[in-house]
Amino acid sequence: MQKRDRRVSKTKKAIYQAFLQVLNDKGYDATTVQDIIDLADVGRSTFYCHYESKELLLDELCRYLFHHLFEREEHLTTEDYLAHIFLHFQKNQDHVTSLLFSKNDYFLRQLHKELEHHVYPMVAEDLQEAYPSIPASYLKHFVVTNFIETLTWWLKKENLIQKTK
């Protein structure tokens, strides 16, 4: 088994945190690699040693967040699985909020794709039986977009509660 270098982990963590902070402050489009490396206190060559671009950094961050999120244990009910997803988002609220509100649709597209693949199939059969005249593609879109809207509303509400404490 290959042991992970702690220096690499520490550097990537600093880059992740800096990236998320800059996203909060400036939004995705205005974020530059220079902003990230300045805040992470790493050199440009160090950044490019790990990531070819901010787009690939965003991609890795999405894969990291979604990896555990959409793993499903066989014994979980639909309700427990959905609760697991929301609790995971709550646990990673800083990351998710930064990405969700970063004014870049890549995270939303990835989230949409993951929800279509993992969540919708759990409710598809019941919905199609209950609403046979509605095309499955409409039902899928309805479920996924409403899930994302509910998540967005919930995270905004959580942020307001935390700010008032």
N, C-alpha and C. Protein backbone atom coordinates (compact mmCIF):
# COMPACT_ATOMS: atom_id res chain seq x y z
N MET A 1 0.85 -1.19 0.00
CA MET A 1 0.00 0.00 0.00
C MET A 1 0.89 1.24 0.00
N GLN A 2 0.57 2.19 -0.83
CA GLN A 2 1.35 3.41 -0.94
C GLN A 2 0.91 4.38 0.14
N LYS A 3 1.90 4.87 0.89
CA LYS A 3 1.62 5.82 1.95
C LYS A 3 1.50 7.22 1.36
N ARG A 4 0.52 7.97 1.81
CA ARG A 4 0.31 9.32 1.29
C ARG A 4 1.26 10.30 1.98
N ASP A 5 1.90 11.11 1.20
CA ASP A 5 2.83 12.11 1.72
C ASP A 5 2.04 13.20 2.43
N ARG A 6 2.38 13.44 3.70
CA ARG A 6 1.65 14.46 4.48
C ARG A 6 1.84 15.86 3.92
N ARG A 7 2.97 16.10 3.31
CA ARG A 7 3.20 17.42 2.72
C ARG A 7 2.24 17.67 1.56
N VAL A 8 2.01 16.64 0.77
CA VAL A 8 1.07 16.76 -0.35
C VAL A 8 -0.33 17.01 0.19
N SER A 9 -0.72 16.25 1.21
CA SER A 9 -2.05 16.43 1.82
C SER A 9 -2.21 17.83 2.38
N LYS A 10 -1.17 18.30 3.05
CA LYS A 10 -1.21 19.64 3.66
C LYS A 10 -1.32 20.73 2.58
N THR A 11 -0.56 20.56 1.51
CA THR A 11 -0.59 21.53 0.41
C THR A 11 -1.96 21.54 -0.27
N LYS A 12 -2.49 20.34 -0.55
CA LYS A 12 -3.80 20.27 -1.21
C LYS A 12 -4.89 20.87 -0.31
N LYS A 13 -4.79 20.62 0.98
CA LYS A 13 -5.77 21.18 1.91
C LYS A 13 -5.71 22.70 1.89
N ALA A 14 -4.50 23.25 1.89
CA ALA A 14 -4.34 24.71 1.84
C ALA A 14 -4.92 25.27 0.54
N ILE A 15 -4.68 24.58 -0.56
CA ILE A 15 -5.21 25.02 -1.86
C ILE A 15 -6.73 24.94 -1.86
N TYR A 16 -7.29 23.83 -1.37
CA TYR A 16 -8.76 23.69 -1.27
C TYR A 16 -9.36 24.84 -0.48
N GLN A 17 -8.80 25.06 0.71
CA GLN A 17 -9.36 26.09 1.59
C GLN A 17 -9.25 27.47 0.97
N ALA A 18 -8.13 27.75 0.35
CA ALA A 18 -7.96 29.05 -0.31
C ALA A 18 -8.96 29.19 -1.46
N PHE A 19 -9.10 28.15 -2.24
CA PHE A 19 -10.04 28.17 -3.37
C PHE A 19 -11.45 28.46 -2.88
N LEU A 20 -11.88 27.77 -1.84
CA LEU A 20 -13.23 27.97 -1.31
C LEU A 20 -13.41 29.38 -0.76
N GLN A 21 -12.39 29.90 -0.10
CA GLN A 21 -12.46 31.26 0.44
C GLN A 21 -12.58 32.29 -0.68
N VAL A 22 -11.76 32.12 -1.71
CA VAL A 22 -11.81 33.05 -2.84
C VAL A 22 -13.16 32.94 -3.56
N LEU A 23 -13.69 31.72 -3.68
CA LEU A 23 -15.03 31.56 -4.27
C LEU A 23 -16.06 32.34 -3.48
N ASN A 24 -15.99 32.26 -2.16
CA ASN A 24 -16.91 33.01 -1.30
C ASN A 24 -16.79 34.51 -1.54
N ASP A 25 -15.56 34.96 -1.68
CA ASP A 25 -15.31 36.40 -1.80
C ASP A 25 -15.58 36.96 -3.20
N LYS A 26 -15.19 36.22 -4.24
CA LYS A 26 -15.20 36.77 -5.59
C LYS A 26 -16.11 36.06 -6.58
N GLY A 27 -16.53 34.83 -6.26
CA GLY A 27 -17.25 34.04 -7.25
C GLY A 27 -16.27 33.32 -8.15
N TYR A 28 -16.75 32.32 -8.86
CA TYR A 28 -15.86 31.47 -9.65
C TYR A 28 -15.19 32.21 -10.81
N ASP A 29 -15.96 32.91 -11.60
CA ASP A 29 -15.40 33.54 -12.80
C ASP A 29 -14.32 34.57 -12.49
N ALA A 30 -14.45 35.27 -11.38
CA ALA A 30 -13.46 36.29 -11.01
C ALA A 30 -12.25 35.69 -10.30
N THR A 31 -12.33 34.44 -9.90
CA THR A 31 -11.23 33.78 -9.19
C THR A 31 -10.11 33.44 -10.17
N THR A 32 -8.89 33.77 -9.76
CA THR A 32 -7.72 33.44 -10.58
C THR A 32 -6.83 32.48 -9.80
N VAL A 33 -5.97 31.80 -10.53
CA VAL A 33 -4.99 30.93 -9.87
C VAL A 33 -4.11 31.78 -8.95
N GLN A 34 -3.80 33.00 -9.35
CA GLN A 34 -2.99 33.88 -8.51
C GLN A 34 -3.67 34.14 -7.17
N ASP A 35 -4.99 34.37 -7.18
CA ASP A 35 -5.74 34.56 -5.93
C ASP A 35 -5.58 33.35 -5.02
N ILE A 36 -5.70 32.18 -5.62
CA ILE A 36 -5.64 30.93 -4.85
C ILE A 36 -4.25 30.73 -4.26
N ILE A 37 -3.21 30.90 -5.06
CA ILE A 37 -1.86 30.65 -4.55
C ILE A 37 -1.43 31.70 -3.54
N ASP A 38 -1.90 32.93 -3.70
CA ASP A 38 -1.59 33.96 -2.71
C ASP A 38 -2.18 33.60 -1.35
N LEU A 39 -3.45 33.21 -1.35
CA LEU A 39 -4.12 32.89 -0.10
C LEU A 39 -3.62 31.57 0.49
N ALA A 40 -3.31 30.60 -0.35
CA ALA A 40 -2.82 29.30 0.12
C ALA A 40 -1.35 29.37 0.53
N ASP A 41 -0.69 30.45 0.13
CA ASP A 41 0.73 30.64 0.41
C ASP A 41 1.57 29.50 -0.18
N VAL A 42 1.29 29.21 -1.45
CA VAL A 42 2.08 28.22 -2.19
C VAL A 42 2.54 28.86 -3.49
N GLY A 43 3.57 28.31 -4.05
CA GLY A 43 4.08 28.83 -5.31
C GLY A 43 3.24 28.38 -6.50
N ARG A 44 3.38 29.12 -7.58
CA ARG A 44 2.65 28.79 -8.81
C ARG A 44 3.02 27.39 -9.29
N SER A 45 4.30 27.05 -9.25
CA SER A 45 4.72 25.72 -9.72
C SER A 45 4.14 24.62 -8.82
N THR A 46 4.00 24.91 -7.52
CA THR A 46 3.39 23.94 -6.61
C THR A 46 1.93 23.72 -6.98
N PHE A 47 1.22 24.81 -7.25
CA PHE A 47 -0.18 24.68 -7.66
C PHE A 47 -0.28 23.82 -8.91
N TYR A 48 0.52 24.17 -9.93
CA TYR A 48 0.44 23.46 -11.20
C TYR A 48 1.00 22.03 -11.13
N CYS A 49 1.76 21.73 -10.11
CA CYS A 49 2.21 20.36 -9.87
C CYS A 49 1.01 19.48 -9.51
N HIS A 50 0.02 20.07 -8.83
CA HIS A 50 -1.16 19.32 -8.37
C HIS A 50 -2.36 19.48 -9.31
N TYR A 51 -2.49 20.64 -9.92
CA TYR A 51 -3.67 20.94 -10.76
C TYR A 51 -3.23 21.67 -12.02
N GLU A 52 -3.78 21.29 -13.14
CA GLU A 52 -3.46 21.97 -14.39
C GLU A 52 -4.18 23.30 -14.52
N SER A 53 -5.31 23.43 -13.80
CA SER A 53 -6.12 24.64 -13.91
C SER A 53 -7.08 24.72 -12.73
N LYS A 54 -7.72 25.88 -12.59
CA LYS A 54 -8.74 25.99 -11.54
C LYS A 54 -9.94 25.11 -11.86
N GLU A 55 -10.17 24.83 -13.14
CA GLU A 55 -11.27 23.95 -13.54
C GLU A 55 -11.03 22.53 -13.03
N LEU A 56 -9.79 22.06 -13.14
CA LEU A 56 -9.49 20.71 -12.65
C LEU A 56 -9.49 20.67 -11.13
N LEU A 57 -9.13 21.77 -10.49
CA LEU A 57 -9.25 21.85 -9.03
C LEU A 57 -10.72 21.74 -8.63
N LEU A 58 -11.58 22.45 -9.32
CA LEU A 58 -13.02 22.37 -9.06
C LEU A 58 -13.53 20.96 -9.28
N ASP A 59 -13.09 20.32 -10.34
CA ASP A 59 -13.51 18.95 -10.64
C ASP A 59 -13.09 18.00 -9.52
N GLU A 60 -11.86 18.10 -9.05
CA GLU A 60 -11.40 17.23 -7.97
C GLU A 60 -12.17 17.49 -6.69
N LEU A 61 -12.44 18.74 -6.40
CA LEU A 61 -13.19 19.08 -5.20
C LEU A 61 -14.60 18.49 -5.26
N CYS A 62 -15.24 18.56 -6.42
CA CYS A 62 -16.57 17.96 -6.59
C CYS A 62 -16.51 16.45 -6.39
N ARG A 63 -15.53 15.80 -7.00
CA ARG A 63 -15.40 14.35 -6.84
C ARG A 63 -15.17 13.98 -5.38
N TYR A 64 -14.37 14.77 -4.68
CA TYR A 64 -14.11 14.53 -3.26
C TYR A 64 -15.41 14.63 -2.45
N LEU A 65 -16.18 15.67 -2.69
CA LEU A 65 -17.43 15.86 -1.95
C LEU A 65 -18.46 14.79 -2.27
N PHE A 66 -18.54 14.40 -3.53
CA PHE A 66 -19.58 13.46 -3.95
C PHE A 66 -19.22 12.01 -3.67
N HIS A 67 -17.93 11.71 -3.48
CA HIS A 67 -17.51 10.32 -3.28
C HIS A 67 -18.27 9.64 -2.14
N HIS A 68 -18.17 10.19 -0.96
CA HIS A 68 -18.85 9.59 0.19
C HIS A 68 -20.35 9.86 0.13
N LEU A 69 -20.69 11.01 -0.33
CA LEU A 69 -22.08 11.44 -0.33
C LEU A 69 -23.01 10.43 -0.99
N PHE A 70 -22.64 9.95 -2.14
CA PHE A 70 -23.54 9.10 -2.90
C PHE A 70 -23.25 7.61 -2.77
N GLU A 71 -22.35 7.24 -1.84
CA GLU A 71 -22.20 5.83 -1.53
C GLU A 71 -23.42 5.43 -0.71
N ARG A 72 -24.02 4.34 -1.07
CA ARG A 72 -25.23 3.93 -0.37
C ARG A 72 -25.06 2.52 0.16
N GLU A 73 -25.30 2.39 1.46
CA GLU A 73 -25.30 1.07 2.05
C GLU A 73 -26.63 0.41 1.73
N GLU A 74 -26.59 -0.88 1.50
CA GLU A 74 -27.77 -1.62 1.07
C GLU A 74 -28.94 -1.54 2.04
N HIS A 75 -28.65 -1.50 3.32
CA HIS A 75 -29.73 -1.57 4.32
C HIS A 75 -30.46 -0.24 4.54
N LEU A 76 -29.97 0.83 3.97
CA LEU A 76 -30.59 2.13 4.19
C LEU A 76 -31.91 2.26 3.44
N THR A 77 -32.90 2.79 4.14
CA THR A 77 -34.17 3.11 3.48
C THR A 77 -33.98 4.39 2.66
N THR A 78 -34.94 4.68 1.82
CA THR A 78 -34.88 5.91 1.03
C THR A 78 -34.79 7.12 1.95
N GLU A 79 -35.61 7.14 3.00
CA GLU A 79 -35.62 8.27 3.94
C GLU A 79 -34.27 8.42 4.63
N ASP A 80 -33.68 7.30 5.06
CA ASP A 80 -32.38 7.35 5.73
C ASP A 80 -31.29 7.81 4.76
N TYR A 81 -31.38 7.38 3.53
CA TYR A 81 -30.39 7.78 2.53
C TYR A 81 -30.48 9.28 2.24
N LEU A 82 -31.69 9.79 2.10
CA LEU A 82 -31.87 11.23 1.87
C LEU A 82 -31.39 12.02 3.08
N ALA A 83 -31.66 11.52 4.28
CA ALA A 83 -31.16 12.18 5.49
C ALA A 83 -29.63 12.18 5.49
N HIS A 84 -29.03 11.06 5.08
CA HIS A 84 -27.57 10.96 4.99
C HIS A 84 -27.02 12.03 4.05
N ILE A 85 -27.69 12.23 2.92
CA ILE A 85 -27.24 13.23 1.95
C ILE A 85 -27.29 14.63 2.56
N PHE A 86 -28.41 14.97 3.20
CA PHE A 86 -28.52 16.30 3.80
C PHE A 86 -27.53 16.48 4.95
N LEU A 87 -27.32 15.45 5.76
CA LEU A 87 -26.35 15.55 6.85
C LEU A 87 -24.94 15.70 6.30
N HIS A 88 -24.64 15.03 5.21
CA HIS A 88 -23.33 15.18 4.58
C HIS A 88 -23.14 16.61 4.08
N PHE A 89 -24.17 17.16 3.47
CA PHE A 89 -24.09 18.55 3.03
C PHE A 89 -23.93 19.49 4.21
N GLN A 90 -24.62 19.20 5.30
CA GLN A 90 -24.50 20.04 6.49
C GLN A 90 -23.08 19.95 7.06
N LYS A 91 -22.54 18.74 7.12
CA LYS A 91 -21.18 18.53 7.64
C LYS A 91 -20.15 19.27 6.78
N ASN A 92 -20.37 19.30 5.49
CA ASN A 92 -19.46 19.97 4.55
C ASN A 92 -20.03 21.30 4.07
N GLN A 93 -20.79 21.93 4.94
CA GLN A 93 -21.54 23.13 4.57
C GLN A 93 -20.66 24.24 3.99
N ASP A 94 -19.50 24.46 4.57
CA ASP A 94 -18.64 25.53 4.07
C ASP A 94 -18.26 25.27 2.61
N HIS A 95 -17.86 24.03 2.31
CA HIS A 95 -17.48 23.68 0.94
C HIS A 95 -18.67 23.78 0.00
N VAL A 96 -19.76 23.17 0.42
CA VAL A 96 -20.95 23.11 -0.44
C VAL A 96 -21.50 24.50 -0.70
N THR A 97 -21.59 25.31 0.34
CA THR A 97 -22.12 26.67 0.18
C THR A 97 -21.24 27.47 -0.77
N SER A 98 -19.94 27.37 -0.61
CA SER A 98 -19.03 28.09 -1.51
C SER A 98 -19.25 27.67 -2.96
N LEU A 99 -19.37 26.37 -3.17
CA LEU A 99 -19.54 25.86 -4.53
C LEU A 99 -20.92 26.15 -5.09
N LEU A 100 -21.93 26.02 -4.25
CA LEU A 100 -23.31 26.22 -4.69
C LEU A 100 -23.58 27.67 -5.08
N PHE A 101 -22.98 28.59 -4.34
CA PHE A 101 -23.23 30.01 -4.58
C PHE A 101 -22.10 30.70 -5.34
N SER A 102 -21.22 29.93 -5.99
CA SER A 102 -20.04 30.49 -6.64
C SER A 102 -20.31 31.09 -8.02
N LYS A 103 -21.54 31.07 -8.45
CA LYS A 103 -21.92 31.62 -9.76
C LYS A 103 -21.26 30.86 -10.91
N ASN A 104 -20.98 29.59 -10.68
CA ASN A 104 -20.47 28.72 -11.73
C ASN A 104 -21.37 27.50 -11.77
N ASP A 105 -21.81 27.14 -12.94
CA ASP A 105 -22.78 26.06 -13.01
C ASP A 105 -22.16 24.67 -13.05
N TYR A 106 -20.85 24.55 -13.05
CA TYR A 106 -20.21 23.23 -13.09
C TYR A 106 -20.63 22.39 -11.90
N PHE A 107 -20.55 22.96 -10.70
CA PHE A 107 -20.93 22.21 -9.49
C PHE A 107 -22.39 21.79 -9.57
N LEU A 108 -23.25 22.69 -10.00
CA LEU A 108 -24.68 22.35 -10.12
C LEU A 108 -24.92 21.27 -11.16
N ARG A 109 -24.21 21.33 -12.26
CA ARG A 109 -24.36 20.28 -13.29
C ARG A 109 -23.90 18.93 -12.75
N GLN A 110 -22.79 18.93 -12.03
CA GLN A 110 -22.28 17.68 -11.45
C GLN A 110 -23.25 17.15 -10.40
N LEU A 111 -23.74 18.03 -9.56
CA LEU A 111 -24.70 17.63 -8.53
C LEU A 111 -25.96 17.08 -9.19
N HIS A 112 -26.43 17.77 -10.21
CA HIS A 112 -27.63 17.34 -10.94
C HIS A 112 -27.43 15.92 -11.50
N LYS A 113 -26.27 15.70 -12.11
CA LYS A 113 -25.96 14.40 -12.70
C LYS A 113 -25.92 13.30 -11.62
N GLU A 114 -25.29 13.60 -10.49
CA GLU A 114 -25.20 12.62 -9.40
C GLU A 114 -26.58 12.31 -8.82
N LEU A 115 -27.40 13.33 -8.66
CA LEU A 115 -28.76 13.11 -8.13
C LEU A 115 -29.59 12.28 -9.11
N GLU A 116 -29.46 12.57 -10.40
CA GLU A 116 -30.18 11.77 -11.40
C GLU A 116 -29.77 10.31 -11.35
N HIS A 117 -28.51 10.08 -11.11
CA HIS A 117 -27.98 8.72 -11.12
C HIS A 117 -28.26 7.97 -9.82
N HIS A 118 -28.20 8.66 -8.69
CA HIS A 118 -28.29 7.98 -7.39
C HIS A 118 -29.62 8.14 -6.67
N VAL A 119 -30.20 9.32 -6.72
CA VAL A 119 -31.41 9.58 -5.93
C VAL A 119 -32.68 9.29 -6.72
N TYR A 120 -32.76 9.80 -7.92
CA TYR A 120 -34.00 9.63 -8.68
C TYR A 120 -34.43 8.16 -8.82
N PRO A 121 -33.52 7.24 -9.12
CA PRO A 121 -33.96 5.84 -9.26
C PRO A 121 -34.66 5.27 -8.02
N MET A 122 -34.37 5.83 -6.86
CA MET A 122 -35.00 5.33 -5.63
C MET A 122 -36.48 5.69 -5.57
N VAL A 123 -36.88 6.75 -6.22
CA VAL A 123 -38.28 7.19 -6.16
C VAL A 123 -38.99 7.08 -7.50
N ALA A 124 -38.26 6.72 -8.53
CA ALA A 124 -38.80 6.72 -9.89
C ALA A 124 -40.03 5.83 -10.05
N GLU A 125 -39.94 4.61 -9.57
CA GLU A 125 -41.04 3.67 -9.77
C GLU A 125 -42.33 4.17 -9.12
N ASP A 126 -42.22 4.64 -7.88
CA ASP A 126 -43.41 5.16 -7.18
C ASP A 126 -44.00 6.37 -7.90
N LEU A 127 -43.14 7.27 -8.36
CA LEU A 127 -43.63 8.46 -9.06
C LEU A 127 -44.28 8.10 -10.39
N GLN A 128 -43.69 7.18 -11.11
CA GLN A 128 -44.24 6.80 -12.41
C GLN A 128 -45.58 6.08 -12.25
N GLU A 129 -45.73 5.34 -11.15
CA GLU A 129 -47.02 4.70 -10.88
C GLU A 129 -48.06 5.74 -10.48
N ALA A 130 -47.65 6.70 -9.67
CA ALA A 130 -48.58 7.73 -9.19
C ALA A 130 -48.98 8.71 -10.30
N TYR A 131 -48.06 8.97 -11.22
CA TYR A 131 -48.30 9.95 -12.28
C TYR A 131 -47.98 9.35 -13.65
N PRO A 132 -48.75 8.37 -14.09
CA PRO A 132 -48.42 7.67 -15.34
C PRO A 132 -48.52 8.55 -16.59
N SER A 133 -49.28 9.62 -16.52
CA SER A 133 -49.43 10.47 -17.71
C SER A 133 -48.28 11.48 -17.86
N ILE A 134 -47.45 11.60 -16.85
CA ILE A 134 -46.32 12.54 -16.92
C ILE A 134 -45.08 11.78 -17.39
N PRO A 135 -44.41 12.26 -18.43
CA PRO A 135 -43.21 11.57 -18.92
C PRO A 135 -42.14 11.44 -17.82
N ALA A 136 -41.44 10.33 -17.84
CA ALA A 136 -40.41 10.06 -16.83
C ALA A 136 -39.35 11.15 -16.79
N SER A 137 -39.00 11.70 -17.95
CA SER A 137 -37.96 12.74 -17.98
C SER A 137 -38.41 13.99 -17.23
N TYR A 138 -39.71 14.31 -17.27
CA TYR A 138 -40.24 15.45 -16.53
C TYR A 138 -40.18 15.18 -15.04
N LEU A 139 -40.56 13.97 -14.66
CA LEU A 139 -40.53 13.61 -13.24
C LEU A 139 -39.10 13.67 -12.70
N LYS A 140 -38.16 13.16 -13.48
CA LYS A 140 -36.76 13.19 -13.06
C LYS A 140 -36.29 14.63 -12.87
N HIS A 141 -36.60 15.47 -13.84
CA HIS A 141 -36.21 16.88 -13.75
C HIS A 141 -36.85 17.54 -12.52
N PHE A 142 -38.11 17.25 -12.29
CA PHE A 142 -38.84 17.81 -11.15
C PHE A 142 -38.18 17.40 -9.83
N VAL A 143 -37.89 16.13 -9.67
CA VAL A 143 -37.30 15.63 -8.43
C VAL A 143 -35.93 16.24 -8.20
N VAL A 144 -35.09 16.20 -9.21
CA VAL A 144 -33.71 16.66 -9.05
C VAL A 144 -33.64 18.17 -8.82
N THR A 145 -34.36 18.95 -9.60
CA THR A 145 -34.29 20.41 -9.42
C THR A 145 -34.92 20.83 -8.09
N ASN A 146 -35.97 20.16 -7.67
CA ASN A 146 -36.55 20.49 -6.38
C ASN A 146 -35.64 20.07 -5.23
N PHE A 147 -34.92 19.00 -5.38
CA PHE A 147 -33.95 18.60 -4.37
C PHE A 147 -32.88 19.69 -4.23
N ILE A 148 -32.37 20.15 -5.36
CA ILE A 148 -31.33 21.19 -5.34
C ILE A 148 -31.87 22.49 -4.76
N GLU A 149 -33.08 22.87 -5.14
CA GLU A 149 -33.69 24.09 -4.60
C GLU A 149 -33.90 23.98 -3.09
N THR A 150 -34.35 22.82 -2.64
CA THR A 150 -34.56 22.61 -1.20
C THR A 150 -33.22 22.67 -0.47
N LEU A 151 -32.21 22.05 -1.03
CA LEU A 151 -30.87 22.09 -0.44
C LEU A 151 -30.37 23.53 -0.36
N THR A 152 -30.52 24.29 -1.43
CA THR A 152 -30.09 25.68 -1.45
C THR A 152 -30.81 26.50 -0.39
N TRP A 153 -32.12 26.34 -0.32
CA TRP A 153 -32.92 27.05 0.69
C TRP A 153 -32.46 26.67 2.09
N TRP A 154 -32.25 25.39 2.32
CA TRP A 154 -31.87 24.89 3.64
C TRP A 154 -30.49 25.43 4.04
N LEU A 155 -29.53 25.43 3.12
CA LEU A 155 -28.20 25.93 3.43
C LEU A 155 -28.22 27.44 3.70
N LYS A 156 -29.03 28.18 2.95
CA LYS A 156 -29.16 29.62 3.22
C LYS A 156 -29.75 29.84 4.61
N LYS A 157 -30.76 29.06 4.95
CA LYS A 157 -31.39 29.15 6.27
C LYS A 157 -30.39 28.80 7.36
N GLU A 158 -29.62 27.74 7.17
CA GLU A 158 -28.60 27.33 8.14
C GLU A 158 -27.56 28.44 8.33
N ASN A 159 -27.14 29.06 7.23
CA ASN A 159 -26.17 30.15 7.31
C ASN A 159 -26.73 31.33 8.11
N LEU A 160 -27.99 31.66 7.89
CA LEU A 160 -28.61 32.75 8.64
C LEU A 160 -28.68 32.43 10.13
N ILE A 161 -29.02 31.20 10.45
CA ILE A 161 -29.10 30.79 11.86
C ILE A 161 -27.72 30.89 12.51
N GLN A 162 -26.69 30.41 11.82
CA GLN A 162 -25.33 30.46 12.37
C GLN A 162 -24.84 31.89 12.54
N LYS A 163 -25.20 32.77 11.62
CA LYS A 163 -24.76 34.16 11.71
C LYS A 163 -25.42 34.90 12.86
N THR A 164 -26.63 34.49 13.24
CA THR A 164 -27.33 35.16 14.33
C THR A 164 -26.92 34.64 15.70
N LYS A 165 -26.19 33.54 15.74
CA LYS A 165 -25.75 32.98 17.03
C LYS A 165 -24.58 33.75 17.59
